[in-house]
């Protein structure tokens, strides 16, 4: 089974897509200044320098993203199916 190793996964999606998908309206509130230091709007977003896995949720389905993660974990023998 897993060895307790940390695996960094970058869930990547353009800000514009995040805004469209935002069911609670948090991005709109941040743009109006109601939420200070909101990542990507009023605070910088710092992407990971070298994640083991990156999934692009704007280009891939949820199933494809999950499959990519599972395949990596199996390949690295972190999980065994």
Protein backbone atom coordinates (compact mmCIF):
# COMPACT_ATOMS: atom_id res chain seq x y z
CA UNK A 1 0.00 0.00 0.00
CA UNK A 2 1.00 3.65 0.21
CA UNK A 3 4.17 4.77 1.93
CA UNK A 4 2.80 8.07 3.27
CA UNK A 5 4.51 10.01 0.48
CA UNK A 6 3.19 13.49 -0.32
CA UNK A 7 1.95 13.90 -3.89
CA UNK A 8 1.32 17.45 -5.10
CA UNK A 9 -1.58 17.72 -7.53
CA UNK A 10 -2.22 20.97 -9.35
CA UNK A 11 -5.89 21.43 -10.21
CA UNK A 12 -5.50 24.01 -12.95
CA UNK A 13 -8.32 26.11 -14.35
CA UNK A 14 -8.32 29.63 -15.82
CA UNK A 15 -9.78 32.34 -13.61
CA UNK A 16 -12.50 33.09 -16.17
CA UNK A 17 -13.75 29.49 -16.00
CA UNK A 18 -13.65 29.51 -12.20
CA UNK A 19 -15.81 32.63 -12.21
CA UNK A 20 -18.41 31.01 -14.47
CA UNK A 21 -18.49 27.85 -12.33
CA UNK A 22 -18.75 29.72 -9.02
CA UNK A 23 -22.14 28.77 -7.52
CA UNK A 24 -21.73 30.99 -4.44
CA UNK A 25 -20.66 34.12 -6.30
CA UNK A 26 -17.40 34.41 -4.36
CA UNK A 27 -15.41 35.73 -7.35
CA UNK A 28 -18.01 38.44 -8.03
CA UNK A 29 -17.93 39.43 -4.35
CA UNK A 30 -14.12 39.54 -4.40
CA UNK A 31 -14.15 41.73 -7.52
CA UNK A 32 -16.51 44.14 -5.74
CA UNK A 33 -14.03 44.32 -2.87
CA UNK A 34 -16.24 42.49 -0.41
CA UNK A 35 -13.70 39.71 0.15
CA UNK A 36 -10.16 40.98 0.74
CA UNK A 37 -7.13 38.97 -0.31
CA UNK A 38 -9.06 36.56 -2.50
CA UNK A 39 -6.61 34.36 -4.38
CA UNK A 40 -6.47 35.18 -8.07
CA UNK A 41 -8.49 38.38 -7.71
CA UNK A 42 -7.05 40.63 -5.00
CA UNK A 43 -4.21 38.35 -3.87
CA UNK A 44 -1.63 36.66 -6.06
CA UNK A 45 -1.96 33.07 -7.14
CA UNK A 46 1.30 31.18 -7.01
CA UNK A 47 1.10 27.96 -9.02
CA UNK A 48 3.15 25.04 -7.77
CA UNK A 49 6.64 24.92 -9.27
CA UNK A 50 6.74 21.22 -10.08
CA UNK A 51 3.66 19.23 -9.11
CA UNK A 52 3.71 15.52 -9.72
CA UNK A 53 0.34 15.74 -11.45
CA UNK A 54 -1.55 18.55 -13.16
CA UNK A 55 -5.16 18.27 -14.21
CA UNK A 56 -6.79 20.90 -16.41
CA UNK A 57 -10.41 21.00 -15.34
CA UNK A 58 -11.30 23.35 -18.20
CA UNK A 59 -10.05 20.80 -20.76
CA UNK A 60 -10.74 17.50 -19.03
CA UNK A 61 -13.85 15.92 -17.56
CA UNK A 62 -14.06 15.02 -13.90
CA UNK A 63 -13.66 11.36 -14.89
CA UNK A 64 -10.53 12.12 -16.94
CA UNK A 65 -9.00 14.12 -14.09
CA UNK A 66 -9.69 11.35 -11.59
CA UNK A 67 -8.33 8.72 -13.96
CA UNK A 68 -5.09 10.68 -14.43
CA UNK A 69 -4.61 10.86 -10.65
CA UNK A 70 -5.40 7.18 -10.13
CA UNK A 71 -3.06 6.13 -12.95
CA UNK A 72 -0.22 8.13 -11.42
CA UNK A 73 -0.83 6.67 -7.97
CA UNK A 74 -0.89 3.15 -9.40
CA UNK A 75 2.23 3.73 -11.52
CA UNK A 76 4.11 4.98 -8.46
CA UNK A 77 2.74 2.04 -6.44
CA UNK A 78 1.22 4.43 -3.92
CA UNK A 79 -2.07 2.59 -4.34
CA UNK A 80 -2.60 -0.88 -5.70
CA UNK A 81 -5.82 -1.73 -7.48
